[in-house]
């Protein structure tokens, strides 16, 4: 449900899901965190380029808090499987 909210077409839903995802990911112990990263992290990555400013800023800050400037994630292409037009046309393609 949380992952679906991070990809919702309504920015209010996406923003609320972003808040919940950050709180969840920051509160989980490391062993449980790994279970959620594969589902939530790609969506947070995509939301860093979302049209709505609040969603975009929150996702950028969440990314900094969770990942920082780790070179481990520099290979990710955030539009590889994106079907949301506002993200597709945000300058990546």
C-alpha atoms as a PDB file:
ATOM      1  CA  UNK A   1       0.000   0.000   0.000  1.00  0.00           C
ATOM      2  CA  UNK A   2       2.827   2.401   0.848  1.00  0.00           C
ATOM      3  CA  UNK A   3       4.658   1.626  -2.398  1.00  0.00           C
ATOM      4  CA  UNK A   4       1.473   2.268  -4.374  1.00  0.00           C
ATOM      5  CA  UNK A   5       1.077   5.609  -2.623  1.00  0.00           C
ATOM      6  CA  UNK A   6       4.592   6.630  -3.661  1.00  0.00           C
ATOM      7  CA  UNK A   7       3.549   6.099  -7.292  1.00  0.00           C
ATOM      8  CA  UNK A   8       0.030   7.551  -7.087  1.00  0.00           C
ATOM      9  CA  UNK A   9      -1.063  10.151  -9.651  1.00  0.00           C
ATOM     10  CA  UNK A  10      -2.378  12.517  -6.956  1.00  0.00           C
ATOM     11  CA  UNK A  11       0.435  14.558  -5.482  1.00  0.00           C
ATOM     12  CA  UNK A  12      -1.273  14.728  -2.061  1.00  0.00           C
ATOM     13  CA  UNK A  13      -1.298  10.933  -1.825  1.00  0.00           C
ATOM     14  CA  UNK A  14       2.285  10.737  -3.059  1.00  0.00           C
ATOM     15  CA  UNK A  15       3.379  13.349  -0.501  1.00  0.00           C
ATOM     16  CA  UNK A  16       1.654  11.555   2.391  1.00  0.00           C
ATOM     17  CA  UNK A  17       3.217   8.254   1.309  1.00  0.00           C
ATOM     18  CA  UNK A  18       6.628   9.950   1.110  1.00  0.00           C
ATOM     19  CA  UNK A  19       6.302  11.141   4.698  1.00  0.00           C
ATOM     20  CA  UNK A  20       5.269   7.673   5.871  1.00  0.00           C
ATOM     21  CA  UNK A  21       8.035   5.951   3.870  1.00  0.00           C
ATOM     22  CA  UNK A  22      10.747   8.188   5.313  1.00  0.00           C
ATOM     23  CA  UNK A  23       9.488   7.661   8.857  1.00  0.00           C
ATOM     24  CA  UNK A  24       9.366   3.896   8.328  1.00  0.00           C
ATOM     25  CA  UNK A  25      12.795   3.615   6.730  1.00  0.00           C
ATOM     26  CA  UNK A  26      14.477   5.772   9.364  1.00  0.00           C
ATOM     27  CA  UNK A  27      12.847   3.872  12.245  1.00  0.00           C
ATOM     28  CA  UNK A  28      13.602   0.311  11.132  1.00  0.00           C
ATOM     29  CA  UNK A  29      16.610  -1.637  12.390  1.00  0.00           C
ATOM     30  CA  UNK A  30      19.134  -2.501   9.672  1.00  0.00           C
ATOM     31  CA  UNK A  31      18.078  -6.147   9.260  1.00  0.00           C
ATOM     32  CA  UNK A  32      14.438  -5.144   8.646  1.00  0.00           C
ATOM     33  CA  UNK A  33      15.409  -2.114   6.582  1.00  0.00           C
ATOM     34  CA  UNK A  34      16.875  -4.337   3.887  1.00  0.00           C
ATOM     35  CA  UNK A  35      13.476  -5.966   3.390  1.00  0.00           C
ATOM     36  CA  UNK A  36      11.901  -2.621   2.469  1.00  0.00           C
ATOM     37  CA  UNK A  37      14.663  -0.929   0.480  1.00  0.00           C
ATOM     38  CA  UNK A  38      14.005  -2.820  -2.746  1.00  0.00           C
ATOM     39  CA  UNK A  39      10.386  -1.712  -2.760  1.00  0.00           C
ATOM     40  CA  UNK A  40      10.544   1.843  -1.443  1.00  0.00           C
ATOM     41  CA  UNK A  41      13.938   3.172  -2.472  1.00  0.00           C
ATOM     42  CA  UNK A  42      13.321   3.150  -6.254  1.00  0.00           C
ATOM     43  CA  UNK A  43      10.081   5.053  -5.755  1.00  0.00           C
ATOM     44  CA  UNK A  44      11.806   7.634  -3.574  1.00  0.00           C
ATOM     45  CA  UNK A  45      14.406   7.978  -6.303  1.00  0.00           C
ATOM     46  CA  UNK A  46      11.732   8.678  -8.907  1.00  0.00           C
ATOM     47  CA  UNK A  47       9.948  11.163  -6.673  1.00  0.00           C
ATOM     48  CA  UNK A  48      13.082  13.323  -6.534  1.00  0.00           C
ATOM     49  CA  UNK A  49      12.120  14.450 -10.044  1.00  0.00           C
ATOM     50  CA  UNK A  50       8.344  14.675  -9.567  1.00  0.00           C
ATOM     51  CA  UNK A  51       6.519  17.802 -10.774  1.00  0.00           C
ATOM     52  CA  UNK A  52       4.939  18.775  -7.434  1.00  0.00           C
ATOM     53  CA  UNK A  53       7.514  20.758  -5.469  1.00  0.00           C
ATOM     54  CA  UNK A  54       6.567  19.426  -2.032  1.00  0.00           C
ATOM     55  CA  UNK A  55       6.886  15.812  -3.149  1.00  0.00           C
ATOM     56  CA  UNK A  56      10.151  16.537  -4.934  1.00  0.00           C
ATOM     57  CA  UNK A  57      11.763  18.338  -1.993  1.00  0.00           C
ATOM     58  CA  UNK A  58      10.652  15.750   0.523  1.00  0.00           C
ATOM     59  CA  UNK A  59      11.996  12.920  -1.645  1.00  0.00           C
ATOM     60  CA  UNK A  60      15.315  14.735  -2.138  1.00  0.00           C
ATOM     61  CA  UNK A  61      15.716  15.229   1.600  1.00  0.00           C
ATOM     62  CA  UNK A  62      14.701  11.616   2.292  1.00  0.00           C
ATOM     63  CA  UNK A  63      17.292  10.445  -0.212  1.00  0.00           C
ATOM     64  CA  UNK A  64      19.982  12.518   1.506  1.00  0.00           C
ATOM     65  CA  UNK A  65      19.008  11.169   4.923  1.00  0.00           C
ATOM     66  CA  UNK A  66      18.904   7.549   3.783  1.00  0.00           C
ATOM     67  CA  UNK A  67      21.646   7.354   1.165  1.00  0.00           C
ATOM     68  CA  UNK A  68      23.662  10.549   1.220  1.00  0.00           C
ATOM     69  CA  UNK A  69      26.111  10.833  -1.665  1.00  0.00           C
ATOM     70  CA  UNK A  70      26.945   7.154  -1.771  1.00  0.00           C
ATOM     71  CA  UNK A  71      28.578   6.169  -5.087  1.00  0.00           C
ATOM     72  CA  UNK A  72      26.896   2.788  -4.662  1.00  0.00           C
ATOM     73  CA  UNK A  73      23.677   4.233  -6.115  1.00  0.00           C
ATOM     74  CA  UNK A  74      25.201   6.375  -8.868  1.00  0.00           C
ATOM     75  CA  UNK A  75      24.404   3.737 -11.511  1.00  0.00           C
ATOM     76  CA  UNK A  76      20.633   3.959 -11.047  1.00  0.00           C
ATOM     77  CA  UNK A  77      18.609   5.311 -13.960  1.00  0.00           C
ATOM     78  CA  UNK A  78      15.427   6.608 -12.317  1.00  0.00           C
ATOM     79  CA  UNK A  79      13.349   6.481 -15.514  1.00  0.00           C
ATOM     80  CA  UNK A  80      14.194   2.948 -16.613  1.00  0.00           C
ATOM     81  CA  UNK A  81      10.775   1.539 -15.686  1.00  0.00           C
ATOM     82  CA  UNK A  82       8.825   4.713 -15.021  1.00  0.00           C
ATOM     83  CA  UNK A  83       5.314   4.941 -16.443  1.00  0.00           C
ATOM     84  CA  UNK A  84       4.355   8.241 -14.812  1.00  0.00           C
ATOM     85  CA  UNK A  85       4.419  11.011 -17.455  1.00  0.00           C
ATOM     86  CA  UNK A  86       5.480  13.851 -15.093  1.00  0.00           C
ATOM     87  CA  UNK A  87       8.618  11.907 -14.223  1.00  0.00           C
ATOM     88  CA  UNK A  88       9.270  10.678 -17.761  1.00  0.00           C
ATOM     89  CA  UNK A  89       9.351  14.212 -19.089  1.00  0.00           C
ATOM     90  CA  UNK A  90      11.296  15.810 -16.246  1.00  0.00           C
ATOM     91  CA  UNK A  91      14.548  15.966 -18.167  1.00  0.00           C
ATOM     92  CA  UNK A  92      15.719  12.375 -17.919  1.00  0.00           C
ATOM     93  CA  UNK A  93      14.610  11.259 -21.375  1.00  0.00           C
END
